[in-house]
Amino acid sequence: MSKISDALKAAEQKHEIKEVEWALARSDFETIHQMEVKAAAGWAGSCKRTKPRDYADWLASFIISGGEITHVYDYKMPCDSWLIAQVAFTVTPLHGSSSKQIIVPSGIEVEIGDAGHNNIYWFDGPHASGGWVPLYTDISAILEKE
């Protein structure tokens, strides 16, 4: 074989190895995702879906106590990923699009080990865990009426 042929073959083999490594990594991510979702199913029943008013109430309290909005969006609050705690539970980590935004009313105990990408909004304080305090158009409209 010529030096060029050898180089081409080596490049193709290297590419194939990277493709296999990437496929294995994707498989690992999917496995981890499925494990996270299964674990969260245990605590998700401790919550109900949040209404925009719930978050607006928390956000107003947070702002009055000196908290700041971190992100502003030009669309309504996506309620499908927002929950409000009803009873005590322990949060398990969720990541990416599986993550949840959880409002915790005063008097409800929620424990956090590793929250993953979940954000927790505590009425006690009030304070936020996770570093993301968004403002949506419908929340802004609610707060402007007050």
N, C-alpha and C. Protein backbone atom coordinates (compact mmCIF):
# COMPACT_ATOMS: atom_id res chain seq x y z
N MET A 1 0.84 -1.19 0.00
CA MET A 1 0.00 0.00 0.00
C MET A 1 0.88 1.25 0.00
N SER A 2 0.34 2.26 -0.60
CA SER A 2 1.07 3.53 -0.63
C SER A 2 0.80 4.30 0.65
N LYS A 3 1.62 5.31 0.86
CA LYS A 3 1.46 6.16 2.05
C LYS A 3 0.09 6.83 2.05
N ILE A 4 -0.39 7.24 0.88
CA ILE A 4 -1.70 7.88 0.77
C ILE A 4 -2.80 6.89 1.11
N SER A 5 -2.72 5.69 0.56
CA SER A 5 -3.73 4.66 0.84
C SER A 5 -3.75 4.34 2.33
N ASP A 6 -2.57 4.22 2.93
CA ASP A 6 -2.48 3.94 4.36
C ASP A 6 -3.14 5.06 5.18
N ALA A 7 -2.88 6.31 4.79
CA ALA A 7 -3.44 7.46 5.50
C ALA A 7 -4.96 7.48 5.37
N LEU A 8 -5.47 7.17 4.17
CA LEU A 8 -6.91 7.15 3.96
C LEU A 8 -7.56 6.06 4.80
N LYS A 9 -6.95 4.88 4.79
CA LYS A 9 -7.49 3.77 5.57
C LYS A 9 -7.47 4.10 7.07
N ALA A 10 -6.38 4.69 7.54
CA ALA A 10 -6.27 5.06 8.95
C ALA A 10 -7.34 6.10 9.32
N ALA A 11 -7.57 7.06 8.44
CA ALA A 11 -8.59 8.09 8.70
C ALA A 11 -9.98 7.46 8.76
N GLU A 12 -10.28 6.54 7.85
CA GLU A 12 -11.58 5.86 7.84
C GLU A 12 -11.77 5.04 9.11
N GLN A 13 -10.73 4.34 9.56
CA GLN A 13 -10.82 3.54 10.77
C GLN A 13 -11.03 4.43 12.00
N LYS A 14 -10.30 5.55 12.03
CA LYS A 14 -10.45 6.49 13.13
C LYS A 14 -11.87 7.04 13.17
N HIS A 15 -12.42 7.34 11.99
CA HIS A 15 -13.79 7.84 11.90
C HIS A 15 -14.79 6.78 12.39
N GLU A 16 -14.61 5.54 12.00
CA GLU A 16 -15.50 4.47 12.42
C GLU A 16 -15.46 4.30 13.95
N ILE A 17 -14.26 4.39 14.52
CA ILE A 17 -14.13 4.27 15.98
C ILE A 17 -14.88 5.41 16.67
N LYS A 18 -14.74 6.64 16.15
CA LYS A 18 -15.45 7.78 16.74
C LYS A 18 -16.96 7.61 16.61
N GLU A 19 -17.44 7.07 15.50
CA GLU A 19 -18.87 6.82 15.32
C GLU A 19 -19.38 5.83 16.35
N VAL A 20 -18.62 4.77 16.61
CA VAL A 20 -19.01 3.77 17.60
C VAL A 20 -19.00 4.40 19.00
N GLU A 21 -17.95 5.20 19.30
CA GLU A 21 -17.90 5.85 20.61
C GLU A 21 -19.08 6.79 20.80
N TRP A 22 -19.45 7.54 19.77
CA TRP A 22 -20.58 8.47 19.86
C TRP A 22 -21.89 7.70 20.05
N ALA A 23 -22.05 6.59 19.34
CA ALA A 23 -23.26 5.77 19.49
C ALA A 23 -23.36 5.24 20.91
N LEU A 24 -22.24 4.81 21.48
CA LEU A 24 -22.25 4.32 22.86
C LEU A 24 -22.59 5.44 23.83
N ALA A 25 -22.04 6.63 23.60
CA ALA A 25 -22.33 7.77 24.47
C ALA A 25 -23.81 8.13 24.40
N ARG A 26 -24.40 8.14 23.19
CA ARG A 26 -25.83 8.43 23.05
C ARG A 26 -26.65 7.38 23.78
N SER A 27 -26.24 6.14 23.68
CA SER A 27 -26.94 5.05 24.36
C SER A 27 -26.88 5.26 25.87
N ASP A 28 -25.71 5.66 26.38
CA ASP A 28 -25.57 5.93 27.81
C ASP A 28 -26.49 7.07 28.24
N PHE A 29 -26.54 8.16 27.44
CA PHE A 29 -27.39 9.29 27.77
C PHE A 29 -28.86 8.86 27.81
N GLU A 30 -29.27 8.05 26.87
CA GLU A 30 -30.67 7.59 26.83
C GLU A 30 -30.97 6.71 28.04
N THR A 31 -30.04 5.85 28.41
CA THR A 31 -30.22 5.00 29.58
C THR A 31 -30.34 5.84 30.84
N ILE A 32 -29.46 6.82 30.98
CA ILE A 32 -29.51 7.71 32.14
C ILE A 32 -30.83 8.48 32.16
N HIS A 33 -31.25 8.98 31.01
CA HIS A 33 -32.50 9.72 30.91
C HIS A 33 -33.68 8.85 31.38
N GLN A 34 -33.74 7.62 30.92
CA GLN A 34 -34.83 6.73 31.31
C GLN A 34 -34.80 6.46 32.81
N MET A 35 -33.62 6.32 33.39
CA MET A 35 -33.50 6.09 34.83
C MET A 35 -33.98 7.32 35.60
N GLU A 36 -33.62 8.52 35.13
CA GLU A 36 -34.05 9.74 35.80
C GLU A 36 -35.56 9.90 35.76
N VAL A 37 -36.14 9.66 34.60
CA VAL A 37 -37.59 9.80 34.45
C VAL A 37 -38.31 8.82 35.36
N LYS A 38 -37.80 7.60 35.43
CA LYS A 38 -38.42 6.59 36.30
C LYS A 38 -38.33 7.01 37.77
N ALA A 39 -37.18 7.53 38.19
CA ALA A 39 -37.03 7.97 39.58
C ALA A 39 -37.94 9.15 39.88
N ALA A 40 -38.07 10.08 38.94
CA ALA A 40 -38.91 11.26 39.15
C ALA A 40 -40.38 10.91 39.21
N ALA A 41 -40.77 9.82 38.58
CA ALA A 41 -42.17 9.41 38.62
C ALA A 41 -42.62 9.19 40.06
N GLY A 42 -41.69 8.83 40.93
CA GLY A 42 -42.00 8.61 42.33
C GLY A 42 -42.38 9.89 43.06
N TRP A 43 -41.73 11.01 42.71
CA TRP A 43 -42.05 12.26 43.40
C TRP A 43 -42.99 13.16 42.62
N ALA A 44 -43.13 12.95 41.34
CA ALA A 44 -44.01 13.81 40.54
C ALA A 44 -45.45 13.73 41.03
N GLY A 45 -45.83 12.61 41.60
CA GLY A 45 -47.17 12.46 42.15
C GLY A 45 -47.41 13.30 43.40
N SER A 46 -46.32 13.85 43.95
CA SER A 46 -46.42 14.72 45.12
C SER A 46 -46.73 16.16 44.72
N CYS A 47 -46.89 16.38 43.43
CA CYS A 47 -47.10 17.73 42.89
C CYS A 47 -48.31 17.74 41.97
N LYS A 48 -48.76 18.95 41.67
CA LYS A 48 -49.76 19.11 40.62
C LYS A 48 -49.23 20.15 39.64
N ARG A 49 -49.83 20.23 38.50
CA ARG A 49 -49.39 21.20 37.50
C ARG A 49 -49.63 22.62 38.00
N THR A 50 -48.66 23.47 37.77
CA THR A 50 -48.74 24.87 38.20
C THR A 50 -49.58 25.69 37.24
N LYS A 51 -50.30 26.64 37.79
CA LYS A 51 -51.01 27.62 36.98
C LYS A 51 -50.17 28.89 36.95
N PRO A 52 -50.28 29.69 35.90
CA PRO A 52 -49.50 30.93 35.85
C PRO A 52 -49.66 31.79 37.11
N ARG A 53 -50.85 31.81 37.70
CA ARG A 53 -51.07 32.60 38.91
C ARG A 53 -50.16 32.16 40.05
N ASP A 54 -49.92 30.83 40.16
CA ASP A 54 -49.04 30.31 41.22
C ASP A 54 -47.64 30.91 41.10
N TYR A 55 -47.12 30.87 39.88
CA TYR A 55 -45.77 31.39 39.67
C TYR A 55 -45.75 32.92 39.80
N ALA A 56 -46.78 33.59 39.32
CA ALA A 56 -46.85 35.05 39.45
C ALA A 56 -46.83 35.46 40.93
N ASP A 57 -47.54 34.73 41.77
CA ASP A 57 -47.55 35.01 43.21
C ASP A 57 -46.15 34.84 43.80
N TRP A 58 -45.49 33.74 43.42
CA TRP A 58 -44.13 33.52 43.92
C TRP A 58 -43.20 34.62 43.42
N LEU A 59 -43.27 34.94 42.13
CA LEU A 59 -42.37 35.92 41.54
C LEU A 59 -42.56 37.30 42.17
N ALA A 60 -43.80 37.70 42.42
CA ALA A 60 -44.07 38.99 43.06
C ALA A 60 -43.41 39.03 44.44
N SER A 61 -43.57 37.96 45.20
CA SER A 61 -42.97 37.87 46.53
C SER A 61 -41.45 37.92 46.45
N PHE A 62 -40.90 37.23 45.48
CA PHE A 62 -39.45 37.17 45.26
C PHE A 62 -38.90 38.56 44.92
N ILE A 63 -39.57 39.26 44.02
CA ILE A 63 -39.13 40.60 43.61
C ILE A 63 -39.21 41.58 44.77
N ILE A 64 -40.32 41.53 45.52
CA ILE A 64 -40.49 42.43 46.68
C ILE A 64 -39.39 42.22 47.71
N SER A 65 -38.93 40.97 47.84
CA SER A 65 -37.88 40.68 48.82
C SER A 65 -36.47 40.93 48.27
N GLY A 66 -36.38 41.49 47.06
CA GLY A 66 -35.07 41.85 46.50
C GLY A 66 -34.54 40.92 45.44
N GLY A 67 -35.28 39.88 45.08
CA GLY A 67 -34.84 38.96 44.05
C GLY A 67 -34.93 39.57 42.66
N GLU A 68 -34.19 39.01 41.72
CA GLU A 68 -34.16 39.53 40.37
C GLU A 68 -34.53 38.47 39.34
N ILE A 69 -35.20 38.91 38.29
CA ILE A 69 -35.52 38.06 37.14
C ILE A 69 -34.23 37.83 36.36
N THR A 70 -34.01 36.58 35.94
CA THR A 70 -32.78 36.26 35.21
C THR A 70 -32.98 36.15 33.70
N HIS A 71 -34.19 35.83 33.27
CA HIS A 71 -34.47 35.63 31.86
C HIS A 71 -35.85 36.19 31.52
N VAL A 72 -35.97 36.82 30.36
CA VAL A 72 -37.25 37.35 29.89
C VAL A 72 -37.58 36.68 28.56
N TYR A 73 -38.79 36.13 28.46
CA TYR A 73 -39.22 35.42 27.26
C TYR A 73 -40.43 36.11 26.64
N ASP A 74 -40.54 36.03 25.32
CA ASP A 74 -41.66 36.67 24.61
C ASP A 74 -42.75 35.66 24.26
N TYR A 75 -43.01 34.76 25.19
CA TYR A 75 -44.08 33.78 25.04
C TYR A 75 -44.64 33.44 26.42
N LYS A 76 -45.78 32.76 26.41
CA LYS A 76 -46.44 32.40 27.67
C LYS A 76 -45.67 31.31 28.41
N MET A 77 -45.91 31.24 29.70
CA MET A 77 -45.29 30.24 30.56
C MET A 77 -45.65 28.83 30.07
N PRO A 78 -44.65 27.99 29.81
CA PRO A 78 -44.93 26.62 29.37
C PRO A 78 -45.28 25.73 30.57
N CYS A 79 -46.52 25.71 30.92
CA CYS A 79 -46.99 25.07 32.15
C CYS A 79 -46.72 23.57 32.23
N ASP A 80 -46.43 22.93 31.11
CA ASP A 80 -46.23 21.48 31.14
C ASP A 80 -44.98 21.07 31.92
N SER A 81 -44.03 21.97 32.14
CA SER A 81 -42.83 21.61 32.90
C SER A 81 -42.82 22.22 34.30
N TRP A 82 -43.92 22.89 34.67
CA TRP A 82 -44.02 23.55 35.97
C TRP A 82 -44.94 22.76 36.90
N LEU A 83 -44.48 22.57 38.13
CA LEU A 83 -45.24 21.84 39.14
C LEU A 83 -45.30 22.66 40.42
N ILE A 84 -46.31 22.38 41.25
CA ILE A 84 -46.38 22.96 42.58
C ILE A 84 -46.52 21.82 43.58
N ALA A 85 -45.64 21.82 44.57
CA ALA A 85 -45.62 20.73 45.56
C ALA A 85 -46.91 20.73 46.38
N GLN A 86 -47.40 19.54 46.66
CA GLN A 86 -48.60 19.36 47.48
C GLN A 86 -48.27 18.72 48.82
N VAL A 87 -47.25 17.88 48.84
CA VAL A 87 -46.80 17.19 50.05
C VAL A 87 -45.28 17.09 50.02
N ALA A 88 -44.69 16.70 51.13
CA ALA A 88 -43.24 16.56 51.23
C ALA A 88 -42.72 15.46 50.30
N PHE A 89 -41.53 15.68 49.75
CA PHE A 89 -40.88 14.68 48.91
C PHE A 89 -39.41 15.05 48.72
N THR A 90 -38.65 14.15 48.11
CA THR A 90 -37.24 14.40 47.79
C THR A 90 -37.10 14.49 46.28
N VAL A 91 -36.51 15.58 45.82
CA VAL A 91 -36.28 15.79 44.38
C VAL A 91 -35.11 14.93 43.93
N THR A 92 -35.29 14.25 42.82
CA THR A 92 -34.20 13.53 42.18
C THR A 92 -33.84 14.29 40.90
N PRO A 93 -32.62 14.14 40.41
CA PRO A 93 -32.19 14.96 39.27
C PRO A 93 -32.88 14.60 37.96
N LEU A 94 -33.23 15.63 37.22
CA LEU A 94 -33.67 15.51 35.83
C LEU A 94 -32.83 16.50 35.03
N HIS A 95 -32.60 16.18 33.78
CA HIS A 95 -31.76 17.04 32.95
C HIS A 95 -32.44 17.37 31.63
N GLY A 96 -32.03 18.49 31.06
CA GLY A 96 -32.52 18.89 29.75
C GLY A 96 -34.02 19.07 29.71
N SER A 97 -34.63 18.60 28.65
CA SER A 97 -36.06 18.81 28.46
C SER A 97 -36.93 18.04 29.47
N SER A 98 -36.34 17.13 30.20
CA SER A 98 -37.09 16.40 31.23
C SER A 98 -37.16 17.17 32.54
N SER A 99 -36.34 18.20 32.68
CA SER A 99 -36.28 18.92 33.95
C SER A 99 -37.60 19.64 34.25
N LYS A 100 -37.82 19.89 35.53
CA LYS A 100 -39.06 20.52 36.01
C LYS A 100 -38.75 21.79 36.77
N GLN A 101 -39.72 22.66 36.83
CA GLN A 101 -39.67 23.87 37.63
C GLN A 101 -40.71 23.64 38.74
N ILE A 102 -40.27 23.64 39.99
CA ILE A 102 -41.13 23.24 41.09
C ILE A 102 -41.30 24.39 42.08
N ILE A 103 -42.54 24.79 42.30
CA ILE A 103 -42.86 25.80 43.30
C ILE A 103 -43.18 25.08 44.60
N VAL A 104 -42.56 25.54 45.68
CA VAL A 104 -42.76 24.90 46.98
C VAL A 104 -43.45 25.90 47.92
N PRO A 105 -44.74 25.69 48.21
CA PRO A 105 -45.45 26.57 49.14
C PRO A 105 -44.84 26.50 50.55
N SER A 106 -45.08 27.55 51.33
CA SER A 106 -44.61 27.57 52.72
C SER A 106 -45.18 26.37 53.47
N GLY A 107 -44.34 25.78 54.31
CA GLY A 107 -44.78 24.68 55.15
C GLY A 107 -44.61 23.30 54.54
N ILE A 108 -44.24 23.21 53.28
CA ILE A 108 -44.02 21.90 52.65
C ILE A 108 -42.52 21.64 52.59
N GLU A 109 -42.11 20.48 53.08
CA GLU A 109 -40.71 20.11 53.10
C GLU A 109 -40.33 19.40 51.80
N VAL A 110 -39.39 19.96 51.09
CA VAL A 110 -38.85 19.33 49.89
C VAL A 110 -37.35 19.24 50.06
N GLU A 111 -36.83 18.03 49.96
CA GLU A 111 -35.39 17.82 50.10
C GLU A 111 -34.77 17.71 48.72
N ILE A 112 -33.55 18.24 48.63
CA ILE A 112 -32.82 18.20 47.36
C ILE A 112 -31.44 17.62 47.64
N GLY A 113 -31.12 16.55 46.93
CA GLY A 113 -29.75 16.06 46.93
C GLY A 113 -29.07 16.70 45.74
N ASP A 114 -29.23 16.09 44.60
CA ASP A 114 -28.76 16.63 43.33
C ASP A 114 -30.01 16.99 42.54
N ALA A 115 -30.22 18.26 42.30
CA ALA A 115 -31.42 18.70 41.59
C ALA A 115 -31.30 18.56 40.09
N GLY A 116 -30.10 18.29 39.59
CA GLY A 116 -29.92 18.24 38.13
C GLY A 116 -30.23 19.60 37.55
N HIS A 117 -31.05 19.64 36.50
CA HIS A 117 -31.45 20.90 35.88
C HIS A 117 -32.79 21.41 36.40
N ASN A 118 -33.36 20.73 37.39
CA ASN A 118 -34.61 21.20 37.99
C ASN A 118 -34.36 22.54 38.70
N ASN A 119 -35.35 23.40 38.69
CA ASN A 119 -35.30 24.66 39.43
C ASN A 119 -36.38 24.61 40.49
N ILE A 120 -36.04 25.05 41.70
CA ILE A 120 -36.98 25.01 42.81
C ILE A 120 -37.24 26.45 43.26
N TYR A 121 -38.51 26.79 43.41
CA TYR A 121 -38.94 28.13 43.80
C TYR A 121 -39.63 28.04 45.15
N TRP A 122 -38.94 28.47 46.20
CA TRP A 122 -39.41 28.34 47.57
C TRP A 122 -40.17 29.59 47.99
N PHE A 123 -41.39 29.41 48.51
CA PHE A 123 -42.13 30.54 49.07
C PHE A 123 -41.49 30.97 50.38
N ASP A 124 -40.92 30.02 51.14
CA ASP A 124 -40.20 30.39 52.37
C ASP A 124 -38.93 31.11 51.95
N GLY A 125 -38.84 32.33 52.30
CA GLY A 125 -37.66 33.11 51.92
C GLY A 125 -38.04 34.42 51.27
N PRO A 126 -38.70 34.48 50.17
CA PRO A 126 -38.70 33.44 49.12
C PRO A 126 -37.33 33.40 48.44
N HIS A 127 -36.99 32.24 47.90
CA HIS A 127 -35.74 32.12 47.16
C HIS A 127 -35.86 31.05 46.10
N ALA A 128 -34.87 31.02 45.22
CA ALA A 128 -34.86 30.05 44.12
C ALA A 128 -33.59 29.22 44.18
N SER A 129 -33.70 27.95 43.87
CA SER A 129 -32.55 27.07 43.73
C SER A 129 -32.47 26.66 42.27
N GLY A 130 -31.34 26.88 41.67
CA GLY A 130 -31.16 26.51 40.28
C GLY A 130 -30.72 27.65 39.39
N GLY A 131 -30.88 28.87 39.86
CA GLY A 131 -30.33 30.01 39.13
C GLY A 131 -31.14 30.52 37.95
N TRP A 132 -32.36 30.07 37.79
CA TRP A 132 -33.18 30.49 36.64
C TRP A 132 -34.51 31.03 37.16
N VAL A 133 -34.72 32.33 36.97
CA VAL A 133 -35.97 32.98 37.40
C VAL A 133 -36.53 33.70 36.18
N PRO A 134 -37.39 33.01 35.43
CA PRO A 134 -37.87 33.58 34.17
C PRO A 134 -39.10 34.48 34.32
N LEU A 135 -39.29 35.33 33.32
CA LEU A 135 -40.50 36.13 33.19
C LEU A 135 -41.09 35.83 31.82
N TYR A 136 -42.37 35.48 31.80
CA TYR A 136 -43.09 35.18 30.56
C TYR A 136 -44.13 36.26 30.32
N THR A 137 -44.65 36.34 29.11
CA THR A 137 -45.62 37.39 28.77
C THR A 137 -46.87 37.32 29.63
N ASP A 138 -47.39 36.11 29.87
CA ASP A 138 -48.61 36.01 30.68
C ASP A 138 -48.35 36.34 32.15
N ILE A 139 -47.16 36.04 32.64
CA ILE A 139 -46.81 36.36 34.02
C ILE A 139 -46.66 37.88 34.16
N SER A 140 -46.02 38.48 33.18
CA SER A 140 -45.87 39.93 33.18
C SER A 140 -47.24 40.62 33.19
N ALA A 141 -48.16 40.11 32.38
CA ALA A 141 -49.51 40.68 32.32
C ALA A 141 -50.23 40.57 33.66
N ILE A 142 -50.08 39.43 34.34
CA ILE A 142 -50.69 39.25 35.66
C ILE A 142 -50.10 40.25 36.65
N LEU A 143 -48.77 40.38 36.65
CA LEU A 143 -48.12 41.26 37.62
C LEU A 143 -48.39 42.73 37.36
N GLU A 144 -48.55 43.10 36.11
CA GLU A 144 -48.82 44.51 35.77
C GLU A 144 -50.20 44.94 36.25
N LYS A 145 -51.12 44.00 36.40
CA LYS A 145 -52.48 44.31 36.87
C LYS A 145 -52.52 44.58 38.37
N GLU A 146 -51.48 44.21 39.07
CA GLU A 146 -51.48 44.33 40.54
C GLU A 146 -50.97 45.68 41.00
